[in-house]
């Protein structure tokens, strides 16, 4: 358990030290996010924060593999992966996603190309799973196990794009990722799944260290390289995590990461539904995300982000309760969480209507 704390502290310290260097590199290379269109920040802002996130995460995982090779002596979750193979997988997958996002930051790829690259990266990680003899079953039995692989790929692509979409306000994506990965780390520590907890704790520390410079007004942005990395890692951790004690109702664990990652998933669902109702392209960028809409009804930038932090903590706390509940109680908790999100969405929509209607991108 102490090694998980080390992962958090190492990633935190490295991120605090490396992020200013990434900022200088961004300025020297001209990698700046300049205000235009729906991007309404006032000044050109360095865009290589994702590089700092990957370095802090990568250094932590590398040290973990070098200093504590016996971190996970047995298999990880329901797979035969050991700590070494898992470490290489997250480093390789994280680097691939970071480079994919960096390519987008440089070339400003269209949404279709981004989706294709995300899917290819997820397929490569899936191939690594198979080479290692691993298979994510997702509690599917018999012929239904054929759905496990495509569902896993879909989940990884969904989380990558959800975090990418969530990165629309200073400090929002990094803060929500820190909250979600923190809950994922704690839940895996409780069931002695230390390898996955180590990875989640490294993400938490990296995000909090980066957040020192990314809170409003941000002096550096994570860019697509950072949001791709965080989304992909959160999706992977959720797949490999263990959320119920031995003898518990294992199928209920599917609900746990959904609650811990509720904010990016709900934001994605709401903005896609909003675009569909207005007949707009689903992959078109706009300013109708949760934080934008909270700001339009009167919240300050900081207050809107903090409100979503609170929702993330609330949902994570509910998720931690699931292993202690009976099946029908767990389902009721999930219904309660969905109702809270529905009520919040309804009042945001009505408040916008009272203030003069929705703002168009």
Protein backbone atom coordinates (compact mmCIF):
# COMPACT_ATOMS: atom_id res chain seq x y z
CA UNK A 1 0.00 0.00 0.00
CA UNK A 2 2.90 2.36 0.73
CA UNK A 3 4.07 1.97 -2.88
CA UNK A 4 0.76 3.40 -4.09
CA UNK A 5 1.40 6.49 -1.95
CA UNK A 6 4.89 6.71 -3.47
CA UNK A 7 3.35 6.67 -6.95
CA UNK A 8 1.14 9.62 -6.06
CA UNK A 9 3.97 11.66 -4.52
CA UNK A 10 6.51 10.96 -7.29
CA UNK A 11 4.07 11.88 -10.05
CA UNK A 12 2.97 15.01 -8.16
CA UNK A 13 6.53 16.26 -7.63
CA UNK A 14 7.67 15.48 -11.19
CA UNK A 15 4.61 17.24 -12.65
CA UNK A 16 5.20 20.37 -10.56
CA UNK A 17 8.84 20.46 -11.73
CA UNK A 18 8.36 19.49 -15.37
CA UNK A 19 5.27 21.55 -16.30
CA UNK A 20 7.16 24.91 -16.31
CA UNK A 21 9.74 23.31 -18.62
CA UNK A 22 6.98 22.16 -20.95
CA UNK A 23 5.61 25.70 -20.90
CA UNK A 24 8.98 27.15 -21.96
CA UNK A 25 9.36 24.53 -24.68
CA UNK A 26 5.89 25.34 -25.95
CA UNK A 27 6.69 29.05 -26.21
CA UNK A 28 10.03 28.41 -27.97
CA UNK A 29 8.51 26.06 -30.52
CA UNK A 30 5.42 28.19 -31.10
CA UNK A 31 3.07 25.48 -29.82
CA UNK A 32 0.47 27.94 -28.59
CA UNK A 33 -3.32 27.82 -28.43
CA UNK A 34 -4.44 31.15 -29.87
CA UNK A 35 -7.93 32.58 -29.34
CA UNK A 36 -10.24 32.11 -32.31
CA UNK A 37 -13.79 30.98 -32.99
CA UNK A 38 -15.15 29.11 -30.00
CA UNK A 39 -11.82 29.43 -28.14
CA UNK A 40 -12.33 32.56 -26.09
CA UNK A 41 -9.37 32.67 -23.75
CA UNK A 42 -7.76 36.10 -23.89
CA UNK A 43 -4.11 35.31 -24.60
CA UNK A 44 -2.17 32.74 -26.62
CA UNK A 45 -1.46 29.92 -24.16
CA UNK A 46 1.25 27.21 -24.23
CA UNK A 47 -0.16 23.88 -25.41
CA UNK A 48 2.37 21.22 -24.39
CA UNK A 49 0.93 20.41 -20.98
CA UNK A 50 0.16 16.88 -22.17
CA UNK A 51 3.89 16.29 -22.54
CA UNK A 52 4.40 17.20 -18.87
CA UNK A 53 1.59 14.86 -17.88
CA UNK A 54 3.10 11.96 -19.80
CA UNK A 55 6.62 12.57 -18.47
CA UNK A 56 5.43 12.65 -14.85
CA UNK A 57 3.28 9.55 -15.39
CA UNK A 58 5.97 7.72 -17.37
CA UNK A 59 8.74 8.47 -14.87
CA UNK A 60 6.55 7.17 -12.05
CA UNK A 61 5.64 3.93 -13.85
CA UNK A 62 9.26 3.44 -14.92
CA UNK A 63 10.52 3.87 -11.35
CA UNK A 64 7.82 1.54 -10.12
CA UNK A 65 8.92 -1.18 -12.53
CA UNK A 66 12.61 -0.68 -11.65
CA UNK A 67 12.37 -0.31 -7.87
CA UNK A 68 9.39 -2.51 -7.03
CA UNK A 69 9.28 -5.38 -9.53
CA UNK A 70 7.26 -7.49 -7.09
CA UNK A 71 4.47 -4.95 -6.79
CA UNK A 72 2.02 -7.48 -8.20
CA UNK A 73 3.26 -11.05 -7.82
CA UNK A 74 0.04 -12.55 -9.16
CA UNK A 75 -2.17 -11.77 -12.15
CA UNK A 76 -3.88 -8.41 -12.51
CA UNK A 77 -7.67 -8.52 -12.20
CA UNK A 78 -9.12 -11.22 -14.48
CA UNK A 79 -6.09 -11.34 -16.79
CA UNK A 80 -2.73 -13.16 -16.65
CA UNK A 81 -0.88 -9.84 -16.94
CA UNK A 82 1.84 -9.27 -14.33
CA UNK A 83 3.21 -5.94 -13.17
CA UNK A 84 6.00 -5.81 -15.77
CA UNK A 85 3.78 -6.52 -18.77
CA UNK A 86 1.12 -4.17 -17.44
CA UNK A 87 3.72 -1.43 -17.00
CA UNK A 88 4.93 -1.76 -20.57
CA UNK A 89 1.35 -1.75 -21.80
CA UNK A 90 0.37 1.50 -20.06
CA UNK A 91 3.63 3.19 -21.05
CA UNK A 92 3.27 2.16 -24.68
CA UNK A 93 -0.45 2.92 -24.85
CA UNK A 94 0.00 6.24 -23.05
CA UNK A 95 2.84 7.30 -25.36
CA UNK A 96 0.82 6.33 -28.41
CA UNK A 97 -2.19 8.35 -27.26
CA UNK A 98 -0.03 11.32 -26.28
CA UNK A 99 1.64 11.34 -29.72
CA UNK A 100 -1.76 11.02 -31.42
CA UNK A 101 -2.97 14.07 -29.52
CA UNK A 102 0.24 15.95 -30.26
CA UNK A 103 -0.25 15.27 -33.96
CA UNK A 104 -3.72 16.74 -33.66
CA UNK A 105 -2.38 19.79 -31.79
CA UNK A 106 0.13 20.41 -34.60
CA UNK A 107 -2.04 19.63 -37.63
CA UNK A 108 -5.51 20.39 -36.21
CA UNK A 109 -6.95 17.11 -37.47
CA UNK A 110 -10.64 16.79 -38.15
CA UNK A 111 -12.88 14.85 -35.75
CA UNK A 112 -13.14 11.84 -38.07
CA UNK A 113 -9.37 11.46 -38.32
CA UNK A 114 -9.06 11.77 -34.54
CA UNK A 115 -11.65 9.04 -34.07
CA UNK A 116 -9.78 6.78 -36.49
CA UNK A 117 -6.45 7.31 -34.70
CA UNK A 118 -8.02 6.70 -31.28
CA UNK A 119 -9.55 3.47 -32.53
CA UNK A 120 -6.23 2.29 -34.00
CA UNK A 121 -4.47 2.99 -30.69
CA UNK A 122 -7.14 1.08 -28.78
CA UNK A 123 -6.81 -1.84 -31.23
CA UNK A 124 -3.04 -1.95 -30.69
CA UNK A 125 -3.48 -2.13 -26.93
CA UNK A 126 -6.11 -4.82 -27.45
CA UNK A 127 -3.64 -6.75 -29.59
CA UNK A 128 -1.09 -6.53 -26.77
CA UNK A 129 -3.70 -8.01 -24.44
CA UNK A 130 -4.10 -10.98 -26.74
CA UNK A 131 -0.34 -11.47 -27.22
CA UNK A 132 0.01 -11.63 -23.43
CA UNK A 133 -2.77 -14.21 -23.29
CA UNK A 134 -5.18 -11.79 -21.66
CA UNK A 135 -8.83 -11.30 -22.37
CA UNK A 136 -11.21 -8.85 -20.72
CA UNK A 137 -14.39 -10.88 -20.24
CA UNK A 138 -16.59 -8.18 -18.69
CA UNK A 139 -18.50 -11.00 -16.92
CA UNK A 140 -19.83 -12.28 -20.25
CA UNK A 141 -20.15 -16.04 -20.49
CA UNK A 142 -20.42 -18.55 -23.34
CA UNK A 143 -20.84 -17.15 -26.83
CA UNK A 144 -21.37 -13.68 -25.32
CA UNK A 145 -17.60 -13.46 -24.66
CA UNK A 146 -17.22 -12.60 -28.36
CA UNK A 147 -18.58 -9.16 -27.47
CA UNK A 148 -15.91 -8.52 -24.84
CA UNK A 149 -13.19 -7.34 -27.23
CA UNK A 150 -15.31 -4.89 -29.29
CA UNK A 151 -16.93 -3.55 -26.10
CA UNK A 152 -13.49 -2.94 -24.58
CA UNK A 153 -12.31 -1.11 -27.72
CA UNK A 154 -15.51 0.96 -27.75
CA UNK A 155 -15.05 1.82 -24.06
CA UNK A 156 -11.43 2.96 -24.54
CA UNK A 157 -12.35 5.13 -27.53
CA UNK A 158 -15.37 6.53 -25.66
CA UNK A 159 -13.31 7.52 -22.61
CA UNK A 160 -10.55 9.03 -24.75
CA UNK A 161 -13.03 11.22 -26.59
CA UNK A 162 -15.02 12.03 -23.44
CA UNK A 163 -11.94 13.49 -21.74
CA UNK A 164 -11.07 15.29 -24.96
CA UNK A 165 -14.52 16.89 -24.99
CA UNK A 166 -14.31 17.68 -21.26
CA UNK A 167 -11.17 19.76 -21.76
CA UNK A 168 -13.13 22.95 -22.43
CA UNK A 169 -12.45 24.98 -19.27
CA UNK A 170 -9.31 25.76 -17.28
CA UNK A 171 -8.59 23.02 -14.78
CA UNK A 172 -11.66 20.97 -15.59
CA UNK A 173 -10.21 17.89 -17.33
CA UNK A 174 -7.19 17.66 -15.02
CA UNK A 175 -9.30 18.08 -11.89
CA UNK A 176 -11.97 15.57 -12.89
CA UNK A 177 -9.29 13.08 -13.97
CA UNK A 178 -7.57 13.50 -10.59
CA UNK A 179 -10.84 12.89 -8.72
CA UNK A 180 -11.81 9.85 -10.81
CA UNK A 181 -8.35 8.27 -10.73
CA UNK A 182 -8.15 8.92 -6.98
CA UNK A 183 -11.33 6.94 -6.39
CA UNK A 184 -10.11 4.22 -8.76
CA UNK A 185 -6.84 4.01 -6.81
CA UNK A 186 -8.58 3.71 -3.44
CA UNK A 187 -11.08 1.11 -4.64
CA UNK A 188 -8.27 -1.07 -6.02
CA UNK A 189 -6.17 -0.70 -2.88
CA UNK A 190 -9.10 -2.01 -0.84
CA UNK A 191 -9.10 -5.27 -2.83
CA UNK A 192 -5.28 -5.53 -2.93
CA UNK A 193 -5.12 -4.90 -6.70
CA UNK A 194 -1.97 -2.87 -6.12
CA UNK A 195 -0.59 -2.74 -9.67
CA UNK A 196 -3.70 -1.02 -11.02
CA UNK A 197 -3.90 1.17 -7.90
CA UNK A 198 -0.28 2.25 -8.53
CA UNK A 199 -1.14 3.35 -12.07
CA UNK A 200 -4.26 5.20 -10.92
CA UNK A 201 -2.33 6.96 -8.15
CA UNK A 202 0.30 8.05 -10.69
CA UNK A 203 -2.43 9.64 -12.82
CA UNK A 204 -3.84 11.40 -9.72
CA UNK A 205 -0.48 12.85 -8.75
CA UNK A 206 0.36 13.93 -12.30
CA UNK A 207 -3.00 15.70 -12.67
CA UNK A 208 -2.76 17.52 -9.34
CA UNK A 209 0.80 18.65 -10.07
CA UNK A 210 -0.26 19.92 -13.50
CA UNK A 211 -3.34 21.57 -11.97
CA UNK A 212 -1.07 23.99 -10.11
CA UNK A 213 -0.51 25.71 -13.47
CA UNK A 214 -3.79 24.84 -15.19
CA UNK A 215 -6.34 26.37 -12.83
CA UNK A 216 -8.08 29.52 -14.07
CA UNK A 217 -6.40 31.60 -15.39
CA UNK A 218 -4.33 28.78 -16.85
CA UNK A 219 -0.71 29.44 -17.78
CA UNK A 220 -0.57 26.20 -19.83
CA UNK A 221 -3.10 23.89 -21.49
CA UNK A 222 -2.83 20.10 -21.71
CA UNK A 223 -3.92 20.05 -25.35
CA UNK A 224 -5.22 16.93 -27.06
CA UNK A 225 -2.00 15.14 -26.11
CA UNK A 226 -2.97 15.44 -22.45
CA UNK A 227 -6.69 14.78 -22.74
CA UNK A 228 -6.06 11.73 -24.97
CA UNK A 229 -3.58 10.35 -22.44
CA UNK A 230 -5.89 10.88 -19.45
CA UNK A 231 -9.00 9.52 -21.14
CA UNK A 232 -7.24 6.43 -22.41
CA UNK A 233 -5.58 5.69 -19.06
CA UNK A 234 -8.82 6.16 -17.12
CA UNK A 235 -10.60 3.82 -19.52
CA UNK A 236 -7.84 1.22 -19.21
CA UNK A 237 -7.73 1.45 -15.41
CA UNK A 238 -11.50 1.04 -15.28
CA UNK A 239 -11.27 -2.14 -17.39
CA UNK A 240 -8.45 -3.67 -15.32
CA UNK A 241 -9.79 -2.60 -11.94
CA UNK A 242 -11.38 -4.81 -9.30
CA UNK A 243 -14.29 -3.22 -7.46
CA UNK A 244 -15.84 -5.95 -5.33
CA UNK A 245 -14.36 -8.06 -2.52
CA UNK A 246 -14.07 -11.81 -2.89
CA UNK A 247 -17.53 -13.34 -2.74
CA UNK A 248 -19.24 -10.10 -3.76
CA UNK A 249 -21.60 -9.67 -6.70
CA UNK A 250 -18.93 -9.12 -9.37
CA UNK A 251 -21.39 -7.99 -12.03
CA UNK A 252 -22.16 -4.91 -9.94
CA UNK A 253 -18.59 -3.71 -10.40
CA UNK A 254 -19.52 -2.59 -13.93
CA UNK A 255 -21.53 0.19 -12.30
CA UNK A 256 -18.61 1.39 -10.16
CA UNK A 257 -16.36 2.94 -12.86
CA UNK A 258 -19.43 4.38 -14.60
CA UNK A 259 -20.16 6.41 -11.45
CA UNK A 260 -16.52 7.37 -10.88
CA UNK A 261 -16.29 8.61 -14.47
CA UNK A 262 -19.79 10.10 -14.53
CA UNK A 263 -18.79 13.72 -15.25
CA UNK A 264 -16.98 13.13 -18.59
CA UNK A 265 -19.53 10.51 -19.66
CA UNK A 266 -22.53 12.73 -18.84
CA UNK A 267 -20.93 15.75 -20.50
CA UNK A 268 -20.37 13.72 -23.68
CA UNK A 269 -23.91 12.32 -23.65
CA UNK A 270 -25.50 15.73 -23.08
CA UNK A 271 -23.55 17.58 -25.75
CA UNK A 272 -24.17 14.85 -28.34
CA UNK A 273 -27.88 14.83 -27.51
CA UNK A 274 -27.96 18.63 -27.74
CA UNK A 275 -26.35 18.60 -31.19
CA UNK A 276 -28.63 15.80 -32.40
CA UNK A 277 -31.75 17.67 -31.30
CA UNK A 278 -30.58 20.78 -33.17
CA UNK A 279 -29.69 18.80 -36.28
CA UNK A 280 -26.01 19.69 -36.07
CA UNK A 281 -23.09 17.36 -36.87
CA UNK A 282 -22.39 15.24 -33.80
CA UNK A 283 -18.63 15.72 -34.07
CA UNK A 284 -18.78 19.50 -34.52
CA UNK A 285 -17.20 21.51 -31.71
CA UNK A 286 -19.32 24.04 -29.82
CA UNK A 287 -19.74 25.82 -26.50
CA UNK A 288 -22.60 23.76 -25.11
CA UNK A 289 -20.70 21.59 -22.65
CA UNK A 290 -21.62 21.45 -18.97
CA UNK A 291 -19.15 24.12 -17.83
CA UNK A 292 -20.15 26.46 -20.68
CA UNK A 293 -23.82 26.13 -19.82
CA UNK A 294 -23.20 26.67 -16.10
CA UNK A 295 -21.31 29.86 -16.95
CA UNK A 296 -24.15 31.03 -19.18
CA UNK A 297 -26.65 30.81 -16.32
CA UNK A 298 -24.51 32.95 -14.05
CA UNK A 299 -21.69 30.83 -12.61
CA UNK A 300 -18.17 32.22 -12.79
CA UNK A 301 -15.56 30.14 -14.60
CA UNK A 302 -14.08 28.97 -11.31
CA UNK A 303 -17.48 28.27 -9.74
CA UNK A 304 -18.63 26.21 -12.73
CA UNK A 305 -15.49 24.06 -12.61
CA UNK A 306 -15.75 23.65 -8.84
CA UNK A 307 -19.40 22.60 -9.18
CA UNK A 308 -18.37 19.79 -11.54
CA UNK A 309 -15.61 18.81 -9.11
CA UNK A 310 -18.24 18.45 -6.38
CA UNK A 311 -20.42 16.31 -8.64
CA UNK A 312 -17.41 14.12 -9.43
CA UNK A 313 -16.70 13.62 -5.71
CA UNK A 314 -20.37 12.85 -5.00
CA UNK A 315 -20.53 10.24 -7.74
CA UNK A 316 -17.23 8.69 -6.67
CA UNK A 317 -18.44 8.45 -3.09
CA UNK A 318 -21.60 6.66 -4.23
CA UNK A 319 -19.45 4.29 -6.27
CA UNK A 320 -17.40 3.36 -3.19
CA UNK A 321 -20.62 2.25 -1.47
CA UNK A 322 -21.58 -0.29 -4.12
CA UNK A 323 -19.46 -3.24 -2.84
CA UNK A 324 -21.16 -2.98 0.57
CA UNK A 325 -24.71 -3.12 -0.77
CA UNK A 326 -27.12 -5.82 -1.78
CA UNK A 327 -27.87 -6.01 -5.52
CA UNK A 328 -31.19 -4.18 -5.37
CA UNK A 329 -29.64 -1.48 -3.16
CA UNK A 330 -26.79 -0.98 -5.63
CA UNK A 331 -29.26 -0.60 -8.48
CA UNK A 332 -31.20 1.97 -6.44
CA UNK A 333 -27.97 3.93 -5.85
CA UNK A 334 -27.28 3.96 -9.58
CA UNK A 335 -30.85 5.10 -10.31
CA UNK A 336 -30.46 7.84 -7.68
CA UNK A 337 -27.23 9.05 -9.34
CA UNK A 338 -28.91 9.09 -12.75
CA UNK A 339 -31.85 11.04 -11.30
CA UNK A 340 -29.50 13.65 -9.79
CA UNK A 341 -27.84 14.14 -13.16
CA UNK A 342 -31.24 14.35 -14.89
CA UNK A 343 -32.58 16.97 -12.48
CA UNK A 344 -29.40 19.03 -12.76
CA UNK A 345 -29.58 18.90 -16.56
CA UNK A 346 -33.23 19.93 -16.53
CA UNK A 347 -32.62 23.00 -14.38
CA UNK A 348 -29.60 24.06 -16.44
CA UNK A 349 -31.75 23.88 -19.58
CA UNK A 350 -34.62 25.83 -17.99
CA UNK A 351 -32.29 28.46 -16.54
CA UNK A 352 -30.78 29.03 -19.98
CA UNK A 353 -34.24 29.46 -21.46
CA UNK A 354 -35.13 32.06 -18.83
CA UNK A 355 -31.93 33.99 -19.55
CA UNK A 356 -32.73 34.26 -23.24
CA UNK A 357 -32.13 30.90 -24.85
CA UNK A 358 -29.14 28.81 -25.75
CA UNK A 359 -25.93 30.33 -27.07
CA UNK A 360 -24.94 29.03 -30.46
CA UNK A 361 -21.35 28.15 -31.20
